[in-house]
Amino acid sequence: MNRYLDEREKQMTHDTVVLTTDMIQNGEHQELYEEYAKKKAESNNDLHIKYALADYGYHHDILCKDPMTCVREHVISSDIRYAPKCFNGTRVLWETIANELTDHKQPKIPDILSIYDWFLQLGTEGLNVHLSSFNKTQYEAIKLIYQAETTVPTTIEKTMTPSQLYLQGSPLWIKSVDWPFSATIIKSTTSKQETAKMIDIMLGN
């Protein structure tokens, strides 16, 4: 009998979480959201509600300070502009931020570019985390993306192909090569000419 009651209670709790997250998705009863955001997460159910708040853009200013790193991950994924407030020096959040910044879908507006600049200022040395070679490749890609977005191409560069830009040493090539394909170029140990050919092959040129 007790086992039945326990299972029944679990089902009721699950149903409540589903209803609450659906409510947040639909933007209903927003007067309750601040309380949900501030509440200390005592179970996975509480976390799922906080995830929903973050994913749908509510109370990032509160959730970015949440003691649970997983909640901060959702805030970063929802709005990269909160990365500096969310970052707590952990490798998990470093990687979450790096994953977002290597995503070509990020709009390159001034607010977002300022996050690229902030992230690059962190560097790879002196962090409280050990970065893998993959992480360091991500960092190099992010540096190139930032340089490309803040570089005004010359008249000649505007007419050049990505492989020609690469051979010239211009960061502008990376605007045409999505991650993770750009990682292959960055890590290439072949000659610049052979690497440039790889870019042409990737782009079908």
N, C-alpha and C. Protein backbone atom coordinates (compact mmCIF):
# COMPACT_ATOMS: atom_id res chain seq x y z
N MET A 1 0.83 -1.20 0.00
CA MET A 1 0.00 0.00 0.00
C MET A 1 0.87 1.26 0.00
N ASN A 2 1.92 1.26 0.87
CA ASN A 2 2.81 2.41 0.95
C ASN A 2 3.54 2.64 -0.38
N ARG A 3 3.92 1.52 -1.02
CA ARG A 3 4.60 1.63 -2.30
C ARG A 3 3.68 2.27 -3.33
N TYR A 4 2.41 1.88 -3.31
CA TYR A 4 1.44 2.45 -4.23
C TYR A 4 1.30 3.95 -4.01
N LEU A 5 1.24 4.36 -2.74
CA LEU A 5 1.09 5.78 -2.41
C LEU A 5 2.33 6.56 -2.84
N ASP A 6 3.51 5.94 -2.64
CA ASP A 6 4.75 6.62 -3.06
C ASP A 6 4.76 6.84 -4.57
N GLU A 7 4.37 5.81 -5.32
CA GLU A 7 4.35 5.92 -6.78
C GLU A 7 3.31 6.95 -7.22
N ARG A 8 2.18 6.96 -6.52
CA ARG A 8 1.13 7.92 -6.84
C ARG A 8 1.60 9.34 -6.60
N GLU A 9 2.32 9.53 -5.50
CA GLU A 9 2.84 10.86 -5.18
C GLU A 9 3.86 11.31 -6.21
N LYS A 10 4.72 10.38 -6.65
CA LYS A 10 5.71 10.70 -7.67
C LYS A 10 5.03 11.13 -8.96
N GLN A 11 3.96 10.40 -9.35
CA GLN A 11 3.26 10.72 -10.56
C GLN A 11 2.60 12.09 -10.47
N MET A 12 2.04 12.40 -9.32
CA MET A 12 1.40 13.69 -9.13
C MET A 12 2.43 14.81 -9.21
N THR A 13 3.63 14.57 -8.62
CA THR A 13 4.69 15.58 -8.66
C THR A 13 5.15 15.78 -10.10
N HIS A 14 5.31 14.68 -10.84
CA HIS A 14 5.71 14.77 -12.25
C HIS A 14 4.68 15.55 -13.05
N ASP A 15 3.42 15.25 -12.82
CA ASP A 15 2.35 15.94 -13.55
C ASP A 15 2.36 17.43 -13.25
N THR A 16 2.65 17.78 -12.00
CA THR A 16 2.70 19.19 -11.62
C THR A 16 3.83 19.91 -12.35
N VAL A 17 4.99 19.25 -12.47
CA VAL A 17 6.13 19.83 -13.17
C VAL A 17 5.79 20.04 -14.65
N VAL A 18 5.16 19.05 -15.26
CA VAL A 18 4.77 19.16 -16.67
C VAL A 18 3.81 20.32 -16.87
N LEU A 19 2.83 20.43 -15.99
CA LEU A 19 1.87 21.53 -16.09
C LEU A 19 2.55 22.88 -15.91
N THR A 20 3.51 22.93 -14.96
CA THR A 20 4.21 24.19 -14.68
C THR A 20 5.09 24.61 -15.85
N THR A 21 5.83 23.65 -16.41
CA THR A 21 6.70 23.99 -17.55
C THR A 21 5.86 24.37 -18.78
N ASP A 22 4.72 23.72 -18.96
CA ASP A 22 3.82 24.10 -20.06
C ASP A 22 3.29 25.52 -19.85
N MET A 23 3.00 25.84 -18.60
CA MET A 23 2.51 27.17 -18.25
C MET A 23 3.57 28.22 -18.60
N ILE A 24 4.84 27.91 -18.28
CA ILE A 24 5.93 28.83 -18.57
C ILE A 24 6.12 28.97 -20.09
N GLN A 25 6.06 27.85 -20.79
CA GLN A 25 6.19 27.88 -22.24
C GLN A 25 5.13 28.77 -22.88
N ASN A 26 3.95 28.76 -22.30
CA ASN A 26 2.85 29.56 -22.84
C ASN A 26 2.80 30.98 -22.27
N GLY A 27 3.73 31.27 -21.34
CA GLY A 27 3.79 32.62 -20.77
C GLY A 27 2.63 32.96 -19.86
N GLU A 28 2.06 31.95 -19.23
CA GLU A 28 0.89 32.17 -18.37
C GLU A 28 1.30 32.34 -16.91
N HIS A 29 0.55 33.13 -16.16
CA HIS A 29 0.76 33.36 -14.72
C HIS A 29 2.21 33.78 -14.42
N GLN A 30 2.68 34.78 -15.14
CA GLN A 30 4.06 35.22 -14.98
C GLN A 30 4.36 35.80 -13.61
N GLU A 31 3.32 36.14 -12.86
CA GLU A 31 3.53 36.67 -11.51
C GLU A 31 4.16 35.63 -10.58
N LEU A 32 4.16 34.36 -11.00
CA LEU A 32 4.73 33.28 -10.17
C LEU A 32 6.20 33.00 -10.49
N TYR A 33 6.68 33.51 -11.62
CA TYR A 33 7.98 33.10 -12.12
C TYR A 33 9.15 33.52 -11.22
N GLU A 34 9.07 34.72 -10.67
CA GLU A 34 10.18 35.20 -9.84
C GLU A 34 10.37 34.29 -8.63
N GLU A 35 9.28 33.85 -8.04
CA GLU A 35 9.36 32.94 -6.90
C GLU A 35 10.00 31.61 -7.31
N TYR A 36 9.61 31.10 -8.47
CA TYR A 36 10.22 29.86 -8.96
C TYR A 36 11.72 30.03 -9.18
N ALA A 37 12.10 31.18 -9.73
CA ALA A 37 13.52 31.43 -10.03
C ALA A 37 14.35 31.53 -8.76
N LYS A 38 13.79 32.13 -7.73
CA LYS A 38 14.53 32.35 -6.49
C LYS A 38 14.56 31.12 -5.58
N LYS A 39 13.62 30.22 -5.76
CA LYS A 39 13.51 29.05 -4.90
C LYS A 39 14.75 28.17 -5.00
N LYS A 40 15.26 27.71 -3.87
CA LYS A 40 16.40 26.80 -3.87
C LYS A 40 15.95 25.46 -4.44
N ALA A 41 16.69 24.95 -5.40
CA ALA A 41 16.34 23.68 -6.03
C ALA A 41 16.63 22.53 -5.07
N GLU A 42 15.61 21.82 -4.69
CA GLU A 42 15.75 20.70 -3.77
C GLU A 42 15.51 19.36 -4.46
N SER A 43 15.19 19.39 -5.73
CA SER A 43 14.93 18.16 -6.47
C SER A 43 15.11 18.44 -7.96
N ASN A 44 15.13 17.36 -8.75
CA ASN A 44 15.20 17.51 -10.20
C ASN A 44 13.98 18.24 -10.74
N ASN A 45 12.85 18.07 -10.07
CA ASN A 45 11.64 18.76 -10.51
C ASN A 45 11.81 20.27 -10.42
N ASP A 46 12.41 20.74 -9.32
CA ASP A 46 12.67 22.18 -9.18
C ASP A 46 13.61 22.66 -10.29
N LEU A 47 14.61 21.83 -10.61
CA LEU A 47 15.56 22.20 -11.65
C LEU A 47 14.88 22.31 -13.01
N HIS A 48 13.99 21.39 -13.30
CA HIS A 48 13.31 21.42 -14.60
C HIS A 48 12.47 22.69 -14.75
N ILE A 49 11.92 23.16 -13.68
CA ILE A 49 11.15 24.40 -13.73
C ILE A 49 12.09 25.58 -13.99
N LYS A 50 13.26 25.56 -13.34
CA LYS A 50 14.24 26.63 -13.57
C LYS A 50 14.77 26.57 -15.00
N TYR A 51 14.97 25.35 -15.51
CA TYR A 51 15.42 25.22 -16.90
C TYR A 51 14.41 25.87 -17.84
N ALA A 52 13.13 25.60 -17.58
CA ALA A 52 12.07 26.16 -18.44
C ALA A 52 12.09 27.68 -18.39
N LEU A 53 12.27 28.23 -17.21
CA LEU A 53 12.33 29.69 -17.07
C LEU A 53 13.49 30.26 -17.90
N ALA A 54 14.65 29.61 -17.78
CA ALA A 54 15.82 30.08 -18.52
C ALA A 54 15.62 29.93 -20.02
N ASP A 55 15.11 28.77 -20.44
CA ASP A 55 14.97 28.48 -21.87
C ASP A 55 13.99 29.43 -22.56
N TYR A 56 12.99 29.88 -21.81
CA TYR A 56 11.99 30.77 -22.41
C TYR A 56 12.21 32.24 -22.06
N GLY A 57 13.40 32.52 -21.50
CA GLY A 57 13.82 33.92 -21.35
C GLY A 57 13.31 34.66 -20.14
N TYR A 58 12.99 33.95 -19.06
CA TYR A 58 12.47 34.62 -17.87
C TYR A 58 13.51 34.66 -16.74
N HIS A 59 13.65 35.82 -16.14
CA HIS A 59 14.45 36.03 -14.93
C HIS A 59 15.89 35.51 -15.04
N HIS A 60 16.51 35.80 -16.17
CA HIS A 60 17.93 35.47 -16.33
C HIS A 60 18.78 36.18 -15.29
N ASP A 61 18.35 37.38 -14.90
CA ASP A 61 19.12 38.16 -13.93
C ASP A 61 19.19 37.45 -12.58
N ILE A 62 18.22 36.63 -12.26
CA ILE A 62 18.21 35.85 -11.02
C ILE A 62 18.90 34.51 -11.24
N LEU A 63 18.54 33.84 -12.31
CA LEU A 63 19.03 32.49 -12.58
C LEU A 63 20.53 32.46 -12.87
N CYS A 64 21.09 33.57 -13.37
CA CYS A 64 22.52 33.59 -13.68
C CYS A 64 23.38 33.49 -12.42
N LYS A 65 22.76 33.71 -11.26
CA LYS A 65 23.48 33.62 -9.98
C LYS A 65 23.13 32.35 -9.22
N ASP A 66 22.36 31.47 -9.86
CA ASP A 66 21.93 30.25 -9.19
C ASP A 66 23.15 29.40 -8.79
N PRO A 67 23.12 28.80 -7.59
CA PRO A 67 24.26 27.98 -7.15
C PRO A 67 24.46 26.73 -8.00
N MET A 68 23.45 26.32 -8.75
CA MET A 68 23.57 25.12 -9.58
C MET A 68 24.12 25.49 -10.96
N THR A 69 25.27 24.93 -11.28
CA THR A 69 25.91 25.21 -12.56
C THR A 69 25.01 24.84 -13.73
N CYS A 70 24.25 23.76 -13.59
CA CYS A 70 23.38 23.32 -14.69
C CYS A 70 22.32 24.36 -15.03
N VAL A 71 21.86 25.12 -14.04
CA VAL A 71 20.89 26.18 -14.30
C VAL A 71 21.56 27.30 -15.10
N ARG A 72 22.79 27.64 -14.71
CA ARG A 72 23.53 28.69 -15.42
C ARG A 72 23.80 28.29 -16.87
N GLU A 73 24.01 26.98 -17.10
CA GLU A 73 24.20 26.50 -18.47
C GLU A 73 23.00 26.86 -19.34
N HIS A 74 21.81 26.67 -18.80
CA HIS A 74 20.60 26.96 -19.57
C HIS A 74 20.46 28.45 -19.85
N VAL A 75 20.88 29.27 -18.90
CA VAL A 75 20.82 30.72 -19.10
C VAL A 75 21.75 31.11 -20.25
N ILE A 76 22.97 30.58 -20.24
CA ILE A 76 23.95 30.89 -21.29
C ILE A 76 23.44 30.44 -22.66
N SER A 77 22.87 29.25 -22.70
CA SER A 77 22.36 28.73 -23.97
C SER A 77 21.18 29.54 -24.49
N SER A 78 20.44 30.13 -23.56
CA SER A 78 19.28 30.94 -23.94
C SER A 78 19.68 32.35 -24.37
N ASP A 79 20.67 32.92 -23.66
CA ASP A 79 21.11 34.29 -23.97
C ASP A 79 22.58 34.43 -23.59
N ILE A 80 23.44 34.35 -24.58
CA ILE A 80 24.89 34.38 -24.36
C ILE A 80 25.35 35.66 -23.69
N ARG A 81 24.54 36.71 -23.74
CA ARG A 81 24.93 37.97 -23.14
C ARG A 81 25.05 37.88 -21.61
N TYR A 82 24.49 36.85 -21.03
CA TYR A 82 24.60 36.65 -19.58
C TYR A 82 25.83 35.84 -19.18
N ALA A 83 26.64 35.44 -20.15
CA ALA A 83 27.81 34.61 -19.87
C ALA A 83 28.73 35.17 -18.79
N PRO A 84 29.10 36.47 -18.85
CA PRO A 84 29.99 36.99 -17.80
C PRO A 84 29.41 36.88 -16.39
N LYS A 85 28.09 37.06 -16.26
CA LYS A 85 27.47 36.95 -14.94
C LYS A 85 27.32 35.50 -14.50
N CYS A 86 27.20 34.61 -15.47
CA CYS A 86 27.03 33.19 -15.15
C CYS A 86 28.34 32.48 -14.84
N PHE A 87 29.41 32.93 -15.49
CA PHE A 87 30.67 32.18 -15.42
C PHE A 87 31.21 32.12 -14.00
N ASN A 88 31.49 30.89 -13.54
CA ASN A 88 31.99 30.69 -12.18
C ASN A 88 33.36 30.01 -12.15
N GLY A 89 34.04 30.02 -13.30
CA GLY A 89 35.38 29.47 -13.35
C GLY A 89 35.44 27.98 -13.61
N THR A 90 34.31 27.33 -13.81
CA THR A 90 34.31 25.89 -14.05
C THR A 90 34.49 25.58 -15.53
N ARG A 91 35.03 24.40 -15.78
CA ARG A 91 35.23 23.97 -17.17
C ARG A 91 33.90 23.78 -17.88
N VAL A 92 32.90 23.29 -17.14
CA VAL A 92 31.58 23.06 -17.74
C VAL A 92 31.04 24.35 -18.35
N LEU A 93 31.10 25.44 -17.61
CA LEU A 93 30.57 26.70 -18.13
C LEU A 93 31.48 27.29 -19.19
N TRP A 94 32.79 27.09 -19.06
CA TRP A 94 33.71 27.55 -20.10
C TRP A 94 33.33 26.89 -21.42
N GLU A 95 33.09 25.57 -21.37
CA GLU A 95 32.75 24.84 -22.59
C GLU A 95 31.38 25.24 -23.12
N THR A 96 30.44 25.50 -22.22
CA THR A 96 29.11 25.94 -22.65
C THR A 96 29.21 27.25 -23.41
N ILE A 97 29.99 28.18 -22.87
CA ILE A 97 30.17 29.47 -23.53
C ILE A 97 30.89 29.29 -24.87
N ALA A 98 31.94 28.48 -24.87
CA ALA A 98 32.70 28.24 -26.10
C ALA A 98 31.81 27.62 -27.17
N ASN A 99 30.97 26.69 -26.78
CA ASN A 99 30.07 26.05 -27.76
C ASN A 99 29.13 27.07 -28.39
N GLU A 100 28.65 28.00 -27.58
CA GLU A 100 27.74 29.03 -28.11
C GLU A 100 28.48 30.00 -29.03
N LEU A 101 29.70 30.35 -28.68
CA LEU A 101 30.44 31.34 -29.47
C LEU A 101 30.98 30.78 -30.78
N THR A 102 31.15 29.45 -30.85
CA THR A 102 31.58 28.86 -32.12
C THR A 102 30.39 28.58 -33.03
N ASP A 103 29.20 28.82 -32.55
CA ASP A 103 27.98 28.61 -33.34
C ASP A 103 27.77 29.81 -34.26
N HIS A 104 27.76 29.56 -35.56
CA HIS A 104 27.61 30.65 -36.53
C HIS A 104 26.24 31.29 -36.49
N LYS A 105 25.30 30.68 -35.74
CA LYS A 105 23.96 31.24 -35.66
C LYS A 105 23.89 32.45 -34.72
N GLN A 106 24.94 32.62 -33.91
CA GLN A 106 24.96 33.77 -33.00
C GLN A 106 24.99 35.06 -33.82
N PRO A 107 24.05 35.96 -33.62
CA PRO A 107 24.08 37.23 -34.36
C PRO A 107 25.30 38.05 -33.94
N LYS A 108 25.97 38.63 -34.90
CA LYS A 108 27.20 39.37 -34.60
C LYS A 108 26.89 40.86 -34.40
N ILE A 109 26.01 41.14 -33.46
CA ILE A 109 25.67 42.52 -33.10
C ILE A 109 26.62 42.97 -32.00
N PRO A 110 26.73 44.28 -31.75
CA PRO A 110 27.70 44.78 -30.76
C PRO A 110 27.61 44.09 -29.39
N ASP A 111 26.40 43.85 -28.89
CA ASP A 111 26.26 43.20 -27.59
C ASP A 111 26.91 41.82 -27.57
N ILE A 112 26.73 41.08 -28.65
CA ILE A 112 27.29 39.73 -28.73
C ILE A 112 28.80 39.79 -28.94
N LEU A 113 29.26 40.71 -29.78
CA LEU A 113 30.70 40.84 -30.00
C LEU A 113 31.43 41.21 -28.72
N SER A 114 30.77 41.95 -27.85
CA SER A 114 31.40 42.29 -26.56
C SER A 114 31.62 41.05 -25.71
N ILE A 115 30.79 40.03 -25.90
CA ILE A 115 30.97 38.77 -25.17
C ILE A 115 32.16 38.01 -25.73
N TYR A 116 32.32 38.05 -27.06
CA TYR A 116 33.52 37.44 -27.66
C TYR A 116 34.77 38.09 -27.06
N ASP A 117 34.77 39.41 -27.00
CA ASP A 117 35.91 40.15 -26.47
C ASP A 117 36.16 39.76 -25.01
N TRP A 118 35.11 39.72 -24.21
CA TRP A 118 35.24 39.34 -22.79
C TRP A 118 35.83 37.94 -22.66
N PHE A 119 35.32 37.01 -23.46
CA PHE A 119 35.77 35.62 -23.37
C PHE A 119 37.24 35.50 -23.75
N LEU A 120 37.65 36.21 -24.79
CA LEU A 120 39.04 36.16 -25.21
C LEU A 120 39.97 36.78 -24.17
N GLN A 121 39.46 37.76 -23.43
CA GLN A 121 40.25 38.38 -22.37
C GLN A 121 40.53 37.40 -21.24
N LEU A 122 39.67 36.37 -21.09
CA LEU A 122 39.91 35.35 -20.07
C LEU A 122 41.19 34.59 -20.37
N GLY A 123 41.49 34.45 -21.68
CA GLY A 123 42.67 33.70 -22.09
C GLY A 123 42.49 32.22 -21.81
N THR A 124 43.57 31.47 -21.96
CA THR A 124 43.55 30.04 -21.65
C THR A 124 44.50 29.72 -20.51
N GLU A 125 45.29 30.69 -20.12
CA GLU A 125 46.22 30.51 -19.01
C GLU A 125 45.64 31.15 -17.75
N GLY A 126 45.94 30.58 -16.64
CA GLY A 126 45.51 31.17 -15.38
C GLY A 126 44.08 30.86 -14.99
N LEU A 127 43.37 30.05 -15.82
CA LEU A 127 42.03 29.65 -15.44
C LEU A 127 42.11 28.56 -14.38
N ASN A 128 41.04 28.40 -13.62
CA ASN A 128 41.01 27.37 -12.59
C ASN A 128 40.60 26.02 -13.16
N VAL A 129 40.71 25.87 -14.46
CA VAL A 129 40.31 24.63 -15.11
C VAL A 129 41.39 24.21 -16.10
N HIS A 130 41.46 22.91 -16.34
CA HIS A 130 42.40 22.39 -17.34
C HIS A 130 41.66 22.28 -18.66
N LEU A 131 42.19 22.92 -19.68
CA LEU A 131 41.55 22.89 -20.98
C LEU A 131 42.21 21.84 -21.87
N SER A 132 41.38 21.08 -22.55
CA SER A 132 41.88 20.05 -23.46
C SER A 132 42.37 20.69 -24.75
N SER A 133 42.99 19.89 -25.59
CA SER A 133 43.44 20.42 -26.89
C SER A 133 42.24 20.84 -27.73
N PHE A 134 41.12 20.13 -27.57
CA PHE A 134 39.89 20.50 -28.27
C PHE A 134 39.41 21.87 -27.81
N ASN A 135 39.45 22.11 -26.49
CA ASN A 135 39.06 23.41 -25.95
C ASN A 135 39.93 24.53 -26.52
N LYS A 136 41.23 24.26 -26.63
CA LYS A 136 42.15 25.28 -27.12
C LYS A 136 41.90 25.56 -28.61
N THR A 137 41.48 24.54 -29.34
CA THR A 137 41.10 24.75 -30.74
C THR A 137 39.85 25.61 -30.81
N GLN A 138 38.89 25.35 -29.91
CA GLN A 138 37.69 26.20 -29.84
C GLN A 138 38.08 27.65 -29.59
N TYR A 139 39.00 27.85 -28.66
CA TYR A 139 39.45 29.20 -28.32
C TYR A 139 40.04 29.90 -29.55
N GLU A 140 40.86 29.17 -30.31
CA GLU A 140 41.46 29.74 -31.52
C GLU A 140 40.38 30.09 -32.54
N ALA A 141 39.36 29.23 -32.65
CA ALA A 141 38.26 29.51 -33.58
C ALA A 141 37.50 30.76 -33.17
N ILE A 142 37.26 30.89 -31.88
CA ILE A 142 36.53 32.05 -31.36
C ILE A 142 37.34 33.33 -31.61
N LYS A 143 38.65 33.23 -31.44
CA LYS A 143 39.51 34.38 -31.70
C LYS A 143 39.43 34.79 -33.17
N LEU A 144 39.45 33.80 -34.07
CA LEU A 144 39.36 34.10 -35.50
C LEU A 144 38.00 34.69 -35.87
N ILE A 145 36.94 34.14 -35.28
CA ILE A 145 35.59 34.67 -35.55
C ILE A 145 35.50 36.14 -35.13
N TYR A 146 36.02 36.43 -33.94
CA TYR A 146 35.99 37.81 -33.45
C TYR A 146 36.81 38.73 -34.35
N GLN A 147 37.99 38.27 -34.73
CA GLN A 147 38.83 39.08 -35.61
C GLN A 147 38.15 39.31 -36.96
N ALA A 148 37.51 38.25 -37.47
CA ALA A 148 36.83 38.37 -38.77
C ALA A 148 35.66 39.34 -38.71
N GLU A 149 34.94 39.32 -37.59
CA GLU A 149 33.76 40.17 -37.46
C GLU A 149 34.13 41.63 -37.17
N THR A 150 35.34 41.86 -36.72
CA THR A 150 35.77 43.23 -36.41
C THR A 150 36.80 43.75 -37.42
N THR A 151 36.98 43.00 -38.50
CA THR A 151 37.90 43.41 -39.56
C THR A 151 37.10 43.91 -40.76
N VAL A 152 37.46 45.08 -41.24
CA VAL A 152 36.81 45.63 -42.44
C VAL A 152 37.60 45.12 -43.65
N PRO A 153 36.98 44.29 -44.50
CA PRO A 153 37.71 43.73 -45.64
C PRO A 153 38.08 44.82 -46.65
N THR A 154 39.24 44.66 -47.25
CA THR A 154 39.65 45.58 -48.30
C THR A 154 38.86 45.27 -49.57
N THR A 155 38.99 46.14 -50.53
CA THR A 155 38.29 45.94 -51.80
C THR A 155 38.71 44.62 -52.44
N ILE A 156 40.00 44.32 -52.36
CA ILE A 156 40.51 43.07 -52.94
C ILE A 156 40.00 41.86 -52.16
N GLU A 157 40.01 41.95 -50.83
CA GLU A 157 39.56 40.83 -50.00
C GLU A 157 38.10 40.47 -50.27
N LYS A 158 37.29 41.47 -50.63
CA LYS A 158 35.88 41.21 -50.91
C LYS A 158 35.70 40.31 -52.13
N THR A 159 36.71 40.26 -52.99
CA THR A 159 36.62 39.45 -54.22
C THR A 159 37.30 38.09 -54.06
N MET A 160 37.93 37.86 -52.91
CA MET A 160 38.72 36.64 -52.73
C MET A 160 37.88 35.49 -52.18
N THR A 161 38.29 34.27 -52.52
CA THR A 161 37.63 33.08 -51.99
C THR A 161 38.14 32.80 -50.57
N PRO A 162 37.43 32.00 -49.79
CA PRO A 162 37.91 31.66 -48.44
C PRO A 162 39.32 31.06 -48.44
N SER A 163 39.61 30.21 -49.41
CA SER A 163 40.95 29.60 -49.43
C SER A 163 42.01 30.64 -49.74
N GLN A 164 41.69 31.60 -50.60
CA GLN A 164 42.65 32.68 -50.90
C GLN A 164 42.86 33.57 -49.67
N LEU A 165 41.78 33.82 -48.95
CA LEU A 165 41.89 34.61 -47.72
C LEU A 165 42.77 33.88 -46.70
N TYR A 166 42.58 32.57 -46.62
CA TYR A 166 43.39 31.76 -45.69
C TYR A 166 44.87 31.86 -46.05
N LEU A 167 45.17 31.72 -47.34
CA LEU A 167 46.57 31.79 -47.77
C LEU A 167 47.18 33.15 -47.49
N GLN A 168 46.34 34.17 -47.54
CA GLN A 168 46.83 35.53 -47.28
C GLN A 168 47.02 35.80 -45.79
N GLY A 169 46.47 34.92 -44.96
CA GLY A 169 46.59 35.12 -43.52
C GLY A 169 45.48 35.95 -42.94
N SER A 170 44.41 36.15 -43.71
CA SER A 170 43.26 36.92 -43.23
C SER A 170 42.32 36.02 -42.44
N PRO A 171 41.79 36.52 -41.31
CA PRO A 171 40.84 35.72 -40.53
C PRO A 171 39.47 35.60 -41.21
N LEU A 172 39.26 36.34 -42.28
CA LEU A 172 37.94 36.39 -42.92
C LEU A 172 37.50 35.05 -43.49
N TRP A 173 38.44 34.13 -43.71
CA TRP A 173 38.08 32.82 -44.26
C TRP A 173 37.09 32.08 -43.37
N ILE A 174 37.20 32.31 -42.05
CA ILE A 174 36.39 31.51 -41.12
C ILE A 174 34.90 31.86 -41.20
N LYS A 175 34.57 32.99 -41.78
CA LYS A 175 33.16 33.37 -41.92
C LYS A 175 32.41 32.43 -42.88
N SER A 176 33.17 31.72 -43.69
CA SER A 176 32.56 30.81 -44.67
C SER A 176 32.63 29.34 -44.25
N VAL A 177 33.35 29.07 -43.18
CA VAL A 177 33.55 27.67 -42.75
C VAL A 177 32.97 27.47 -41.36
N ASP A 178 31.93 26.68 -41.27
CA ASP A 178 31.26 26.45 -39.99
C ASP A 178 32.08 25.53 -39.09
N TRP A 179 31.87 25.69 -37.79
CA TRP A 179 32.37 24.75 -36.80
C TRP A 179 31.54 23.48 -36.91
N PRO A 180 32.11 22.27 -36.83
CA PRO A 180 33.49 21.95 -36.45
C PRO A 180 34.46 21.84 -37.63
N PHE A 181 34.01 22.14 -38.85
CA PHE A 181 34.92 22.04 -40.00
C PHE A 181 36.09 23.00 -39.87
N SER A 182 35.81 24.16 -39.26
CA SER A 182 36.90 25.13 -39.06
C SER A 182 37.99 24.57 -38.15
N ALA A 183 37.60 23.65 -37.24
CA ALA A 183 38.59 23.04 -36.34
C ALA A 183 39.61 22.24 -37.13
N THR A 184 39.15 21.58 -38.19
CA THR A 184 40.06 20.80 -39.04
C THR A 184 41.11 21.69 -39.67
N ILE A 185 40.70 22.88 -40.08
CA ILE A 185 41.62 23.83 -40.70
C ILE A 185 42.61 24.36 -39.66
N ILE A 186 42.09 24.71 -38.51
CA ILE A 186 42.94 25.28 -37.46
C ILE A 186 44.00 24.28 -37.00
N LYS A 187 43.61 23.01 -36.91
CA LYS A 187 44.52 21.97 -36.41
C LYS A 187 45.40 21.37 -37.50
N SER A 188 45.19 21.78 -38.73
CA SER A 188 45.92 21.17 -39.84
C SER A 188 47.44 21.32 -39.67
N THR A 189 48.13 20.23 -39.92
CA THR A 189 49.60 20.25 -39.82
C THR A 189 50.24 20.17 -41.22
N THR A 190 49.40 20.19 -42.26
CA THR A 190 49.93 20.17 -43.63
C THR A 190 50.33 21.60 -44.03
N SER A 191 50.86 21.75 -45.22
CA SER A 191 51.26 23.07 -45.71
C SER A 191 50.03 23.96 -45.88
N LYS A 192 50.26 25.25 -45.94
CA LYS A 192 49.15 26.19 -46.12
C LYS A 192 48.44 25.93 -47.44
N GLN A 193 49.20 25.55 -48.45
CA GLN A 193 48.60 25.29 -49.76
C GLN A 193 47.66 24.08 -49.69
N GLU A 194 48.10 23.03 -49.00
CA GLU A 194 47.27 21.83 -48.87
C GLU A 194 46.04 22.12 -48.00
N THR A 195 46.23 22.92 -46.98
CA THR A 195 45.11 23.27 -46.12
C THR A 195 44.09 24.12 -46.87
N ALA A 196 44.59 25.01 -47.70
CA ALA A 196 43.69 25.83 -48.53
C ALA A 196 42.86 24.96 -49.46
N LYS A 197 43.49 23.89 -49.98
CA LYS A 197 42.75 22.96 -50.84
C LYS A 197 41.63 22.28 -50.04
N MET A 198 41.90 22.00 -48.76
CA MET A 198 40.89 21.39 -47.90
C MET A 198 39.67 22.31 -47.77
N ILE A 199 39.93 23.60 -47.67
CA ILE A 199 38.82 24.57 -47.57
C ILE A 199 37.98 24.51 -48.85
N ASP A 200 38.65 24.47 -49.99
CA ASP A 200 37.91 24.40 -51.26
C ASP A 200 37.06 23.14 -51.33
N ILE A 201 37.63 22.03 -50.88
CA ILE A 201 36.89 20.76 -50.90
C ILE A 201 35.68 20.83 -49.98
N MET A 202 35.88 21.40 -48.76
CA MET A 202 34.78 21.52 -47.80
C MET A 202 33.63 22.36 -48.36
N LEU A 203 33.99 23.39 -49.11
CA LEU A 203 32.99 24.31 -49.64
C LEU A 203 32.50 23.92 -51.03
N GLY A 204 33.04 22.81 -51.53
CA GLY A 204 32.61 22.33 -52.84
C GLY A 204 33.11 23.18 -53.99
N ASN A 205 34.24 23.86 -53.78
CA ASN A 205 34.78 24.73 -54.85
C ASN A 205 35.75 23.93 -55.74
